[in-house]
Amino acid sequence: MAQYTTGDCVRYYNSSGVEVSGKIHRILADGSYSITPDGLSSTIIVLENRIIGLA
């Protein structure tokens, strides 16, 4: 079961290892999250192990 849910604002590490925040747009079947980073309109895929916690 997913630890986070759609609409949660979370902090996570991006592909460069920098801590950023965004809002969960969708939870994918493989357990990863589609997140809209703060200030952007497009979504990115983030694995659960890269999420630090709620923002």
N, C-alpha and C. Protein backbone atom coordinates (compact mmCIF):
# COMPACT_ATOMS: atom_id res chain seq x y z
N MET A 1 0.84 -1.19 0.00
CA MET A 1 0.00 0.00 0.00
C MET A 1 0.88 1.25 0.00
N ALA A 2 0.47 2.23 -0.74
CA ALA A 2 1.27 3.44 -0.90
C ALA A 2 1.34 4.23 0.40
N GLN A 3 2.50 4.77 0.67
CA GLN A 3 2.70 5.57 1.87
C GLN A 3 2.11 6.97 1.69
N TYR A 4 2.10 7.44 0.45
CA TYR A 4 1.60 8.78 0.15
C TYR A 4 0.39 8.65 -0.76
N THR A 5 -0.38 9.72 -0.86
CA THR A 5 -1.59 9.67 -1.68
C THR A 5 -1.64 10.86 -2.63
N THR A 6 -2.50 10.76 -3.62
CA THR A 6 -2.66 11.83 -4.61
C THR A 6 -2.99 13.14 -3.91
N GLY A 7 -2.30 14.21 -4.30
CA GLY A 7 -2.52 15.52 -3.71
C GLY A 7 -1.56 15.87 -2.59
N ASP A 8 -0.83 14.86 -2.07
CA ASP A 8 0.16 15.14 -1.02
C ASP A 8 1.29 15.99 -1.58
N CYS A 9 1.74 16.96 -0.79
CA CYS A 9 2.94 17.73 -1.14
C CYS A 9 4.11 17.05 -0.45
N VAL A 10 5.11 16.67 -1.23
CA VAL A 10 6.24 15.91 -0.69
C VAL A 10 7.57 16.56 -1.05
N ARG A 11 8.59 16.24 -0.26
CA ARG A 11 9.97 16.61 -0.56
C ARG A 11 10.64 15.35 -1.10
N TYR A 12 11.47 15.50 -2.11
CA TYR A 12 12.13 14.34 -2.70
C TYR A 12 13.44 14.76 -3.33
N TYR A 13 14.27 13.77 -3.64
CA TYR A 13 15.53 14.03 -4.34
C TYR A 13 15.30 13.88 -5.83
N ASN A 14 15.69 14.89 -6.60
CA ASN A 14 15.55 14.79 -8.06
C ASN A 14 16.71 13.96 -8.62
N SER A 15 16.76 13.84 -9.94
CA SER A 15 17.78 12.99 -10.57
C SER A 15 19.20 13.48 -10.31
N SER A 16 19.34 14.75 -9.94
CA SER A 16 20.67 15.30 -9.63
C SER A 16 21.01 15.17 -8.15
N GLY A 17 20.11 14.58 -7.35
CA GLY A 17 20.34 14.42 -5.93
C GLY A 17 20.05 15.66 -5.11
N VAL A 18 19.34 16.62 -5.71
CA VAL A 18 19.00 17.86 -5.02
C VAL A 18 17.60 17.71 -4.41
N GLU A 19 17.44 18.17 -3.15
CA GLU A 19 16.14 18.09 -2.50
C GLU A 19 15.21 19.16 -3.05
N VAL A 20 14.06 18.73 -3.55
CA VAL A 20 13.05 19.64 -4.10
C VAL A 20 11.68 19.19 -3.59
N SER A 21 10.65 19.96 -3.89
CA SER A 21 9.32 19.58 -3.45
C SER A 21 8.34 19.65 -4.62
N GLY A 22 7.24 18.95 -4.44
CA GLY A 22 6.21 18.92 -5.47
C GLY A 22 4.97 18.24 -4.94
N LYS A 23 3.96 18.15 -5.81
CA LYS A 23 2.67 17.58 -5.43
C LYS A 23 2.43 16.29 -6.20
N ILE A 24 2.00 15.25 -5.50
CA ILE A 24 1.74 13.97 -6.16
C ILE A 24 0.50 14.10 -7.05
N HIS A 25 0.70 13.81 -8.32
CA HIS A 25 -0.35 13.91 -9.33
C HIS A 25 -1.07 12.57 -9.47
N ARG A 26 -0.30 11.49 -9.45
CA ARG A 26 -0.85 10.16 -9.67
C ARG A 26 0.09 9.12 -9.09
N ILE A 27 -0.45 8.00 -8.66
CA ILE A 27 0.36 6.87 -8.20
C ILE A 27 0.29 5.81 -9.29
N LEU A 28 1.45 5.36 -9.75
CA LEU A 28 1.52 4.41 -10.85
C LEU A 28 1.46 2.97 -10.35
N ALA A 29 1.12 2.06 -11.24
CA ALA A 29 0.93 0.65 -10.89
C ALA A 29 2.19 0.02 -10.29
N ASP A 30 3.37 0.49 -10.69
CA ASP A 30 4.61 -0.09 -10.18
C ASP A 30 5.04 0.48 -8.83
N GLY A 31 4.22 1.37 -8.26
CA GLY A 31 4.53 1.94 -6.96
C GLY A 31 5.29 3.24 -7.02
N SER A 32 5.64 3.70 -8.22
CA SER A 32 6.29 5.01 -8.34
C SER A 32 5.22 6.10 -8.38
N TYR A 33 5.67 7.33 -8.27
CA TYR A 33 4.74 8.45 -8.20
C TYR A 33 4.96 9.41 -9.36
N SER A 34 3.86 9.92 -9.90
CA SER A 34 3.92 10.99 -10.89
C SER A 34 3.75 12.28 -10.10
N ILE A 35 4.79 13.11 -10.09
CA ILE A 35 4.81 14.32 -9.26
C ILE A 35 4.94 15.56 -10.13
N THR A 36 4.17 16.59 -9.78
CA THR A 36 4.32 17.90 -10.43
C THR A 36 5.22 18.74 -9.54
N PRO A 37 6.47 19.01 -9.98
CA PRO A 37 7.37 19.82 -9.17
C PRO A 37 6.82 21.22 -8.96
N ASP A 38 7.10 21.82 -7.81
CA ASP A 38 6.66 23.19 -7.53
C ASP A 38 7.13 24.12 -8.64
N GLY A 39 6.22 24.94 -9.15
CA GLY A 39 6.56 25.92 -10.16
C GLY A 39 6.54 25.40 -11.59
N LEU A 40 6.28 24.12 -11.78
CA LEU A 40 6.24 23.55 -13.13
C LEU A 40 4.86 22.98 -13.42
N SER A 41 4.52 22.86 -14.70
CA SER A 41 3.22 22.32 -15.06
C SER A 41 3.31 20.87 -15.53
N SER A 42 4.51 20.41 -15.87
CA SER A 42 4.66 19.03 -16.32
C SER A 42 4.95 18.12 -15.13
N THR A 43 4.70 16.83 -15.32
CA THR A 43 4.94 15.88 -14.23
C THR A 43 6.20 15.07 -14.50
N ILE A 44 6.79 14.55 -13.45
CA ILE A 44 7.95 13.67 -13.55
C ILE A 44 7.66 12.41 -12.74
N ILE A 45 8.39 11.35 -13.01
CA ILE A 45 8.22 10.10 -12.28
C ILE A 45 9.28 10.02 -11.18
N VAL A 46 8.84 9.74 -9.97
CA VAL A 46 9.75 9.65 -8.82
C VAL A 46 9.51 8.31 -8.12
N LEU A 47 10.58 7.57 -7.87
CA LEU A 47 10.45 6.32 -7.14
C LEU A 47 10.26 6.61 -5.66
N GLU A 48 9.52 5.74 -4.98
CA GLU A 48 9.21 5.97 -3.56
C GLU A 48 10.46 6.13 -2.71
N ASN A 49 11.54 5.42 -3.05
CA ASN A 49 12.75 5.51 -2.22
C ASN A 49 13.47 6.85 -2.37
N ARG A 50 13.06 7.70 -3.30
CA ARG A 50 13.64 9.04 -3.45
C ARG A 50 12.84 10.09 -2.68
N ILE A 51 11.67 9.69 -2.17
CA ILE A 51 10.84 10.64 -1.43
C ILE A 51 11.32 10.70 0.02
N ILE A 52 11.50 11.93 0.52
CA ILE A 52 12.00 12.16 1.87
C ILE A 52 10.85 12.17 2.87
N GLY A 53 9.77 12.84 2.52
CA GLY A 53 8.62 12.94 3.41
C GLY A 53 7.68 14.03 2.94
N LEU A 54 6.68 14.29 3.73
CA LEU A 54 5.71 15.33 3.39
C LEU A 54 6.36 16.71 3.48
N ALA A 55 5.95 17.59 2.60
CA ALA A 55 6.51 18.95 2.59
C ALA A 55 5.72 19.84 3.53
